[in-house]
PDB file of N, CA and C in Angstrom:
ATOM      1  N   MET A   1     102.812 149.331 126.568  1.00  0.00           N
ATOM      2  CA  MET A   1     102.767 150.640 126.635  1.00  0.00           C
ATOM      3  C   MET A   1     101.733 151.513 127.306  1.00  0.00           C
ATOM      4  N   GLU A   2     100.708 150.500 127.928  1.00  0.00           N
ATOM      5  CA  GLU A   2      99.650 151.204 128.673  1.00  0.00           C
ATOM      6  C   GLU A   2     100.397 151.548 129.945  1.00  0.00           C
ATOM      7  N   ASN A   3     101.353 151.323 130.457  1.00  0.00           N
ATOM      8  CA  ASN A   3     101.659 151.578 131.797  1.00  0.00           C
ATOM      9  C   ASN A   3     102.807 152.592 131.585  1.00  0.00           C
ATOM     10  N   LEU A   4     102.877 153.097 130.863  1.00  0.00           N
ATOM     11  CA  LEU A   4     103.909 154.648 130.391  1.00  0.00           C
ATOM     12  C   LEU A   4     102.903 155.759 130.526  1.00  0.00           C
ATOM     13  N   PRO A   5     103.554 156.575 130.921  1.00  0.00           N
ATOM     14  CA  PRO A   5     102.451 158.080 130.866  1.00  0.00           C
ATOM     15  C   PRO A   5     102.673 158.890 129.498  1.00  0.00           C
ATOM     16  N   VAL A   6     102.528 158.293 128.487  1.00  0.00           N
ATOM     17  CA  VAL A   6     103.010 158.724 127.045  1.00  0.00           C
ATOM     18  C   VAL A   6     101.602 158.274 126.285  1.00  0.00           C
ATOM     19  N   ASP A   7     101.209 158.897 125.141  1.00  0.00           N
ATOM     20  CA  ASP A   7     100.322 158.600 124.225  1.00  0.00           C
ATOM     21  C   ASP A   7     101.321 158.016 123.119  1.00  0.00           C
ATOM     22  N   TYR A   8     100.987 156.746 122.681  1.00  0.00           N
ATOM     23  CA  TYR A   8     101.949 156.762 121.661  1.00  0.00           C
ATOM     24  C   TYR A   8     100.566 155.871 120.071  1.00  0.00           C
ATOM     25  N   TYR A   9     101.524 156.750 119.201  1.00  0.00           N
ATOM     26  CA  TYR A   9     100.786 156.404 118.096  1.00  0.00           C
ATOM     27  C   TYR A   9     101.660 155.971 117.027  1.00  0.00           C
ATOM     28  N   ASN A  10     101.098 155.155 115.615  1.00  0.00           N
ATOM     29  CA  ASN A  10     101.800 154.588 114.980  1.00  0.00           C
ATOM     30  C   ASN A  10     101.517 154.672 113.597  1.00  0.00           C
ATOM     31  N   GLN A  11     102.469 154.400 112.449  1.00  0.00           N
ATOM     32  CA  GLN A  11     101.340 154.249 111.123  1.00  0.00           C
ATOM     33  C   GLN A  11     102.735 153.700 110.335  1.00  0.00           C
ATOM     34  N   LYS A  12     102.351 153.172 109.145  1.00  0.00           N
ATOM     35  CA  LYS A  12     103.532 152.431 108.305  1.00  0.00           C
ATOM     36  C   LYS A  12     104.523 152.818 108.230  1.00  0.00           C
ATOM     37  N   ARG A  13     104.482 154.230 107.994  1.00  0.00           N
ATOM     38  CA  ARG A  13     105.796 154.920 107.438  1.00  0.00           C
ATOM     39  C   ARG A  13     106.572 155.181 108.723  1.00  0.00           C
ATOM     40  N   SER A  14     106.243 155.146 109.759  1.00  0.00           N
ATOM     41  CA  SER A  14     106.976 156.045 110.598  1.00  0.00           C
ATOM     42  C   SER A  14     107.013 157.430 110.773  1.00  0.00           C
ATOM     43  N   TRP A  15     106.161 158.175 109.922  1.00  0.00           N
ATOM     44  CA  TRP A  15     106.136 159.554 109.998  1.00  0.00           C
ATOM     45  C   TRP A  15     104.469 160.081 110.725  1.00  0.00           C
ATOM     46  N   MET A  16     104.702 161.661 110.989  1.00  0.00           N
ATOM     47  CA  MET A  16     103.331 161.942 111.813  1.00  0.00           C
ATOM     48  C   MET A  16     102.579 162.127 110.254  1.00  0.00           C
ATOM     49  N   ASN A  17     101.727 162.270 110.195  1.00  0.00           N
ATOM     50  CA  ASN A  17     100.126 162.348 109.653  1.00  0.00           C
ATOM     51  C   ASN A  17      99.258 163.394 109.891  1.00  0.00           C
ATOM     52  N   ARG A  18      98.508 163.573 109.065  1.00  0.00           N
ATOM     53  CA  ARG A  18      97.544 164.713 109.349  1.00  0.00           C
ATOM     54  C   ARG A  18      96.368 163.654 110.118  1.00  0.00           C
ATOM     55  N   GLU A  19      96.243 162.679 110.020  1.00  0.00           N
ATOM     56  CA  GLU A  19      95.337 161.994 110.758  1.00  0.00           C
ATOM     57  C   GLU A  19      95.617 161.500 112.550  1.00  0.00           C
ATOM     58  N   ILE A  20      96.724 161.347 112.488  1.00  0.00           N
ATOM     59  CA  ILE A  20      97.388 161.165 113.898  1.00  0.00           C
ATOM     60  C   ILE A  20      97.318 162.640 114.757  1.00  0.00           C
ATOM     61  N   LEU A  21      97.819 163.716 114.081  1.00  0.00           N
ATOM     62  CA  LEU A  21      97.924 165.118 114.545  1.00  0.00           C
ATOM     63  C   LEU A  21      96.173 165.563 114.860  1.00  0.00           C
ATOM     64  N   GLU A  22      95.388 165.210 114.257  1.00  0.00           N
ATOM     65  CA  GLU A  22      94.146 165.665 114.331  1.00  0.00           C
ATOM     66  C   GLU A  22      93.438 165.318 115.148  1.00  0.00           C
ATOM     67  N   ASN A  23      93.754 163.550 115.411  1.00  0.00           N
ATOM     68  CA  ASN A  23      93.009 162.578 116.665  1.00  0.00           C
ATOM     69  C   ASN A  23      93.679 163.220 117.597  1.00  0.00           C
ATOM     70  N   TRP A  24      95.132 163.338 118.050  1.00  0.00           N
ATOM     71  CA  TRP A  24      95.557 163.711 119.053  1.00  0.00           C
ATOM     72  C   TRP A  24      95.424 165.176 119.497  1.00  0.00           C
ATOM     73  N   PHE A  25      95.571 166.165 118.650  1.00  0.00           N
ATOM     74  CA  PHE A  25      94.698 167.352 119.306  1.00  0.00           C
ATOM     75  C   PHE A  25      93.488 166.971 120.071  1.00  0.00           C
ATOM     76  N   LYS A  26      92.412 166.555 119.210  1.00  0.00           N
ATOM     77  CA  LYS A  26      90.853 166.403 119.459  1.00  0.00           C
ATOM     78  C   LYS A  26      90.922 165.441 120.601  1.00  0.00           C
ATOM     79  N   THR A  27      91.416 164.592 120.684  1.00  0.00           N
ATOM     80  CA  THR A  27      91.265 163.492 121.997  1.00  0.00           C
ATOM     81  C   THR A  27      92.085 163.721 123.226  1.00  0.00           C
ATOM     82  N   LYS A  28      93.654 164.091 123.122  1.00  0.00           N
ATOM     83  CA  LYS A  28      94.310 164.518 123.973  1.00  0.00           C
ATOM     84  C   LYS A  28      94.602 165.658 124.594  1.00  0.00           C
ATOM     85  N   TRP A  29      95.172 166.566 123.624  1.00  0.00           N
ATOM     86  CA  TRP A  29      95.465 167.902 123.427  1.00  0.00           C
ATOM     87  C   TRP A  29      94.497 168.759 124.381  1.00  0.00           C
ATOM     88  N   VAL A  30      93.293 168.840 123.631  1.00  0.00           N
ATOM     89  CA  VAL A  30      92.369 169.952 124.121  1.00  0.00           C
ATOM     90  C   VAL A  30      91.912 169.547 125.324  1.00  0.00           C
ATOM     91  N   PRO A  31      91.527 167.963 125.740  1.00  0.00           N
ATOM     92  CA  PRO A  31      90.874 167.548 127.009  1.00  0.00           C
ATOM     93  C   PRO A  31      91.859 168.201 128.067  1.00  0.00           C
ATOM     94  N   GLU A  32      93.195 167.889 127.635  1.00  0.00           N
ATOM     95  CA  GLU A  32      94.332 167.885 129.225  1.00  0.00           C
ATOM     96  C   GLU A  32      94.134 169.229 129.099  1.00  0.00           C
ATOM     97  N   VAL A  33      94.659 170.231 127.976  1.00  0.00           N
ATOM     98  CA  VAL A  33      94.808 171.678 128.255  1.00  0.00           C
ATOM     99  C   VAL A  33      93.701 172.060 129.239  1.00  0.00           C
ATOM    100  N   ARG A  34      92.385 171.613 128.770  1.00  0.00           N
ATOM    101  CA  ARG A  34      91.251 172.009 129.563  1.00  0.00           C
ATOM    102  C   ARG A  34      91.155 171.529 130.898  1.00  0.00           C
ATOM    103  N   ASN A  35      91.749 170.388 131.056  1.00  0.00           N
ATOM    104  CA  ASN A  35      91.599 170.348 132.546  1.00  0.00           C
ATOM    105  C   ASN A  35      92.490 170.902 133.259  1.00  0.00           C
ATOM    106  N   ILE A  36      93.934 171.162 132.742  1.00  0.00           N
ATOM    107  CA  ILE A  36      94.670 171.829 133.524  1.00  0.00           C
ATOM    108  C   ILE A  36      94.378 173.251 133.798  1.00  0.00           C
ATOM    109  N   LEU A  37      93.812 173.855 132.710  1.00  0.00           N
ATOM    110  CA  LEU A  37      93.365 175.210 133.040  1.00  0.00           C
ATOM    111  C   LEU A  37      92.297 175.333 133.999  1.00  0.00           C
ATOM    112  N   LYS A  38      91.204 174.300 134.012  1.00  0.00           N
ATOM    113  CA  LYS A  38      90.191 174.640 135.179  1.00  0.00           C
ATOM    114  C   LYS A  38      90.876 173.990 136.531  1.00  0.00           C
ATOM    115  N   ARG A  39      91.970 173.058 136.618  1.00  0.00           N
ATOM    116  CA  ARG A  39      92.279 173.256 137.924  1.00  0.00           C
ATOM    117  C   ARG A  39      92.906 174.306 138.370  1.00  0.00           C
ATOM    118  N   LYS A  40      93.514 175.055 137.415  1.00  0.00           N
ATOM    119  CA  LYS A  40      94.081 176.381 138.201  1.00  0.00           C
ATOM    120  C   LYS A  40      93.706 177.621 138.368  1.00  0.00           C
ATOM    121  N   GLY A  41      92.174 177.588 137.681  1.00  0.00           N
ATOM    122  CA  GLY A  41      90.907 178.472 138.200  1.00  0.00           C
ATOM    123  C   GLY A  41      91.373 179.405 136.758  1.00  0.00           C
ATOM    124  N   LEU A  42      91.997 178.986 135.466  1.00  0.00           N
ATOM    125  CA  LEU A  42      92.001 179.925 134.747  1.00  0.00           C
ATOM    126  C   LEU A  42      91.187 179.766 133.583  1.00  0.00           C
ATOM    127  N   PRO A  43      91.045 180.948 132.645  1.00  0.00           N
ATOM    128  CA  PRO A  43      89.966 180.821 131.373  1.00  0.00           C
ATOM    129  C   PRO A  43      90.432 179.791 130.501  1.00  0.00           C
ATOM    130  N   GLN A  44      89.728 179.147 129.957  1.00  0.00           N
ATOM    131  CA  GLN A  44      89.493 178.222 129.098  1.00  0.00           C
ATOM    132  C   GLN A  44      90.085 178.735 127.556  1.00  0.00           C
ATOM    133  N   LYS A  45      91.396 179.134 127.594  1.00  0.00           N
ATOM    134  CA  LYS A  45      91.957 179.649 126.430  1.00  0.00           C
ATOM    135  C   LYS A  45      93.261 179.013 126.419  1.00  0.00           C
ATOM    136  N   ALA A  46      93.880 178.537 125.086  1.00  0.00           N
ATOM    137  CA  ALA A  46      95.156 178.246 125.067  1.00  0.00           C
ATOM    138  C   ALA A  46      95.284 178.332 123.463  1.00  0.00           C
ATOM    139  N   VAL A  47      96.917 178.455 122.909  1.00  0.00           N
ATOM    140  CA  VAL A  47      97.132 178.761 121.479  1.00  0.00           C
ATOM    141  C   VAL A  47      98.376 177.203 121.683  1.00  0.00           C
ATOM    142  N   LEU A  48      98.077 176.384 120.656  1.00  0.00           N
ATOM    143  CA  LEU A  48      98.991 175.527 120.264  1.00  0.00           C
ATOM    144  C   LEU A  48     100.029 175.984 118.791  1.00  0.00           C
ATOM    145  N   LEU A  49     101.396 175.994 119.029  1.00  0.00           N
ATOM    146  CA  LEU A  49     102.049 176.429 118.085  1.00  0.00           C
ATOM    147  C   LEU A  49     102.553 175.458 117.471  1.00  0.00           C
ATOM    148  N   LEU A  50     102.170 175.510 116.075  1.00  0.00           N
ATOM    149  CA  LEU A  50     103.048 174.197 115.150  1.00  0.00           C
ATOM    150  C   LEU A  50     103.857 174.868 114.102  1.00  0.00           C
ATOM    151  N   ASP A  51     104.785 174.323 113.989  1.00  0.00           N
ATOM    152  CA  ASP A  51     105.750 174.211 112.383  1.00  0.00           C
ATOM    153  C   ASP A  51     104.690 174.198 111.259  1.00  0.00           C
ATOM    154  N   ASN A  52     105.157 174.596 110.028  1.00  0.00           N
ATOM    155  CA  ASN A  52     104.485 174.424 108.830  1.00  0.00           C
ATOM    156  C   ASN A  52     104.773 173.184 107.870  1.00  0.00           C
ATOM    157  N   ALA A  53     104.801 171.979 108.982  1.00  0.00           N
ATOM    158  CA  ALA A  53     105.195 170.648 108.165  1.00  0.00           C
ATOM    159  C   ALA A  53     103.961 170.444 107.304  1.00  0.00           C
ATOM    160  N   LEU A  54     104.236 169.612 106.272  1.00  0.00           N
ATOM    161  CA  LEU A  54     102.841 169.244 105.249  1.00  0.00           C
ATOM    162  C   LEU A  54     101.987 168.477 106.225  1.00  0.00           C
ATOM    163  N   SER A  55     102.454 167.809 107.198  1.00  0.00           N
ATOM    164  CA  SER A  55     101.567 166.543 107.338  1.00  0.00           C
ATOM    165  C   SER A  55     100.792 167.026 108.665  1.00  0.00           C
ATOM    166  N   HIS A  56     100.684 168.496 108.868  1.00  0.00           N
ATOM    167  CA  HIS A  56      99.922 168.955 109.730  1.00  0.00           C
ATOM    168  C   HIS A  56      98.505 169.486 109.207  1.00  0.00           C
ATOM    169  N   PRO A  57      97.474 169.208 109.539  1.00  0.00           N
ATOM    170  CA  PRO A  57      96.085 169.471 108.863  1.00  0.00           C
ATOM    171  C   PRO A  57      96.203 170.857 109.314  1.00  0.00           C
ATOM    172  N   ASN A  58      95.361 171.562 108.172  1.00  0.00           N
ATOM    173  CA  ASN A  58      95.139 173.195 108.376  1.00  0.00           C
ATOM    174  C   ASN A  58      94.429 173.664 109.546  1.00  0.00           C
ATOM    175  N   GLU A  59      94.319 174.956 109.793  1.00  0.00           N
ATOM    176  CA  GLU A  59      93.717 175.567 111.334  1.00  0.00           C
ATOM    177  C   GLU A  59      92.052 174.983 110.920  1.00  0.00           C
ATOM    178  N   THR A  60      91.596 174.879 109.976  1.00  0.00           N
ATOM    179  CA  THR A  60      89.874 174.754 110.206  1.00  0.00           C
ATOM    180  C   THR A  60      89.683 173.309 110.730  1.00  0.00           C
ATOM    181  N   LEU A  61      90.446 172.483 110.412  1.00  0.00           N
ATOM    182  CA  LEU A  61      90.385 170.909 111.146  1.00  0.00           C
ATOM    183  C   LEU A  61      90.832 170.946 112.462  1.00  0.00           C
ATOM    184  N   LEU A  62      91.907 171.602 112.728  1.00  0.00           N
ATOM    185  CA  LEU A  62      92.354 171.936 114.526  1.00  0.00           C
ATOM    186  C   LEU A  62      91.351 173.207 115.305  1.00  0.00           C
ATOM    187  N   LYS A  63      90.343 173.018 115.342  1.00  0.00           N
ATOM    188  CA  LYS A  63      89.788 174.218 116.075  1.00  0.00           C
ATOM    189  C   LYS A  63      88.137 173.429 116.540  1.00  0.00           C
ATOM    190  N   PRO A  64      88.434 173.413 118.122  1.00  0.00           N
ATOM    191  CA  PRO A  64      87.330 173.065 118.878  1.00  0.00           C
ATOM    192  C   PRO A  64      85.856 173.687 118.498  1.00  0.00           C
ATOM    193  N   ASN A  65      84.616 173.689 118.659  1.00  0.00           N
ATOM    194  CA  ASN A  65      83.826 174.281 118.462  1.00  0.00           C
ATOM    195  C   ASN A  65      83.554 175.731 119.191  1.00  0.00           C
ATOM    196  N   ASP A  66      84.121 175.445 120.229  1.00  0.00           N
ATOM    197  CA  ASP A  66      83.862 176.771 120.893  1.00  0.00           C
ATOM    198  C   ASP A  66      84.976 177.998 120.721  1.00  0.00           C
ATOM    199  N   GLY A  67      85.785 177.468 119.631  1.00  0.00           N
ATOM    200  CA  GLY A  67      86.882 178.710 119.269  1.00  0.00           C
ATOM    201  C   GLY A  67      87.957 179.070 120.658  1.00  0.00           C
ATOM    202  N   MET A  68      87.937 178.658 121.794  1.00  0.00           N
ATOM    203  CA  MET A  68      88.955 179.159 122.696  1.00  0.00           C
ATOM    204  C   MET A  68      90.015 178.533 122.444  1.00  0.00           C
ATOM    205  N   MET A  69      90.370 177.302 122.134  1.00  0.00           N
ATOM    206  CA  MET A  69      91.629 176.759 121.687  1.00  0.00           C
ATOM    207  C   MET A  69      91.772 176.610 120.247  1.00  0.00           C
ATOM    208  N   ILE A  70      92.956 177.419 119.951  1.00  0.00           N
ATOM    209  CA  ILE A  70      93.370 177.707 118.740  1.00  0.00           C
ATOM    210  C   ILE A  70      94.842 177.342 118.383  1.00  0.00           C
ATOM    211  N   VAL A  71      95.180 176.798 117.065  1.00  0.00           N
ATOM    212  CA  VAL A  71      96.193 176.697 116.517  1.00  0.00           C
ATOM    213  C   VAL A  71      97.178 177.526 115.609  1.00  0.00           C
ATOM    214  N   LYS A  72      97.880 178.150 115.762  1.00  0.00           N
ATOM    215  CA  LYS A  72      98.699 179.012 114.843  1.00  0.00           C
ATOM    216  C   LYS A  72      99.955 178.011 114.434  1.00  0.00           C
ATOM    217  N   PHE A  73     100.005 178.466 112.954  1.00  0.00           N
ATOM    218  CA  PHE A  73     101.390 177.884 112.205  1.00  0.00           C
ATOM    219  C   PHE A  73     102.672 178.646 112.555  1.00  0.00           C
ATOM    220  N   LEU A  74     103.731 178.360 112.761  1.00  0.00           N
ATOM    221  CA  LEU A  74     105.013 179.436 112.520  1.00  0.00           C
ATOM    222  C   LEU A  74     105.363 179.640 111.310  1.00  0.00           C
ATOM    223  N   PRO A  75     106.005 180.833 111.046  1.00  0.00           N
ATOM    224  CA  PRO A  75     106.255 180.966 109.539  1.00  0.00           C
ATOM    225  C   PRO A  75     107.065 180.357 109.042  1.00  0.00           C
ATOM    226  N   PRO A  76     107.150 179.960 107.399  1.00  0.00           N
ATOM    227  CA  PRO A  76     108.186 179.175 106.985  1.00  0.00           C
ATOM    228  C   PRO A  76     109.578 179.476 107.461  1.00  0.00           C
ATOM    229  N   ASN A  77     110.701 178.660 106.932  1.00  0.00           N
ATOM    230  CA  ASN A  77     111.675 178.725 107.512  1.00  0.00           C
ATOM    231  C   ASN A  77     112.158 179.751 108.606  1.00  0.00           C
ATOM    232  N   VAL A  78     111.682 179.293 109.859  1.00  0.00           N
ATOM    233  CA  VAL A  78     111.898 179.456 111.045  1.00  0.00           C
ATOM    234  C   VAL A  78     112.063 178.557 112.214  1.00  0.00           C
ATOM    235  N   THR A  79     111.692 177.393 112.029  1.00  0.00           N
ATOM    236  CA  THR A  79     111.694 176.332 112.942  1.00  0.00           C
ATOM    237  C   THR A  79     113.513 175.798 112.700  1.00  0.00           C
ATOM    238  N   SER A  80     114.252 176.125 111.808  1.00  0.00           N
ATOM    239  CA  SER A  80     115.271 175.971 112.224  1.00  0.00           C
ATOM    240  C   SER A  80     116.493 176.860 112.971  1.00  0.00           C
ATOM    241  N   LEU A  81     115.340 177.970 113.242  1.00  0.00           N
ATOM    242  CA  LEU A  81     116.184 178.960 114.152  1.00  0.00           C
ATOM    243  C   LEU A  81     115.437 178.813 115.643  1.00  0.00           C
ATOM    244  N   ILE A  82     114.541 178.129 115.995  1.00  0.00           N
ATOM    245  CA  ILE A  82     113.903 178.102 117.297  1.00  0.00           C
ATOM    246  C   ILE A  82     113.609 176.718 117.646  1.00  0.00           C
ATOM    247  N   GLN A  83     113.574 175.727 116.877  1.00  0.00           N
ATOM    248  CA  GLN A  83     113.527 174.432 117.615  1.00  0.00           C
ATOM    249  C   GLN A  83     114.865 173.408 117.425  1.00  0.00           C
ATOM    250  N   PRO A  84     115.305 173.247 118.805  1.00  0.00           N
ATOM    251  CA  PRO A  84     116.305 172.329 118.749  1.00  0.00           C
ATOM    252  C   PRO A  84     116.799 171.189 118.196  1.00  0.00           C
ATOM    253  N   MET A  85     115.638 170.283 117.480  1.00  0.00           N
ATOM    254  CA  MET A  85     115.641 169.258 116.972  1.00  0.00           C
ATOM    255  C   MET A  85     116.294 169.771 115.347  1.00  0.00           C
ATOM    256  N   ASP A  86     115.904 170.974 115.211  1.00  0.00           N
ATOM    257  CA  ASP A  86     116.201 171.717 113.601  1.00  0.00           C
ATOM    258  C   ASP A  86     117.616 172.312 113.764  1.00  0.00           C
ATOM    259  N   GLN A  87     118.164 172.307 114.870  1.00  0.00           N
ATOM    260  CA  GLN A  87     119.541 173.172 114.805  1.00  0.00           C
ATOM    261  C   GLN A  87     120.920 172.134 114.839  1.00  0.00           C
ATOM    262  N   GLY A  88     120.695 171.424 114.061  1.00  0.00           N
ATOM    263  CA  GLY A  88     121.525 170.441 113.596  1.00  0.00           C
ATOM    264  C   GLY A  88     122.015 168.932 114.718  1.00  0.00           C
ATOM    265  N   VAL A  89     120.983 168.794 115.002  1.00  0.00           N
ATOM    266  CA  VAL A  89     120.779 167.693 116.215  1.00  0.00           C
ATOM    267  C   VAL A  89     120.050 166.288 115.421  1.00  0.00           C
ATOM    268  N   ILE A  90     119.277 166.509 114.226  1.00  0.00           N
ATOM    269  CA  ILE A  90     118.907 165.531 113.584  1.00  0.00           C
ATOM    270  C   ILE A  90     119.882 164.960 112.166  1.00  0.00           C
ATOM    271  N   SER A  91     121.010 166.225 112.035  1.00  0.00           N
ATOM    272  CA  SER A  91     121.643 166.074 110.997  1.00  0.00           C
ATOM    273  C   SER A  91     123.201 165.074 111.843  1.00  0.00           C
ATOM    274  N   SER A  92     123.173 165.301 112.986  1.00  0.00           N
ATOM    275  CA  SER A  92     124.068 164.564 113.846  1.00  0.00           C
ATOM    276  C   SER A  92     124.006 162.998 113.717  1.00  0.00           C
TER     277      SER A  92
END
């Protein structure tokens, strides 16, 4: 796994959970987005859009101290309209 350009997480039931997402957000997403924005000379602001899955922590847990990286949740019942994996791929 260490040779692949991906981050790998797992847990016993093979589902996403709050701890995995919170850890990924704080240790991977925020630092990577900050680096990309810095390299491009852009303001250190970003928004991460998430669906409203129960496995996602609430917005207060997914907020860096400076408030420049924020999380917004999509409204209920729209993910099947805009996410390809919810447009029949999973059921197939």
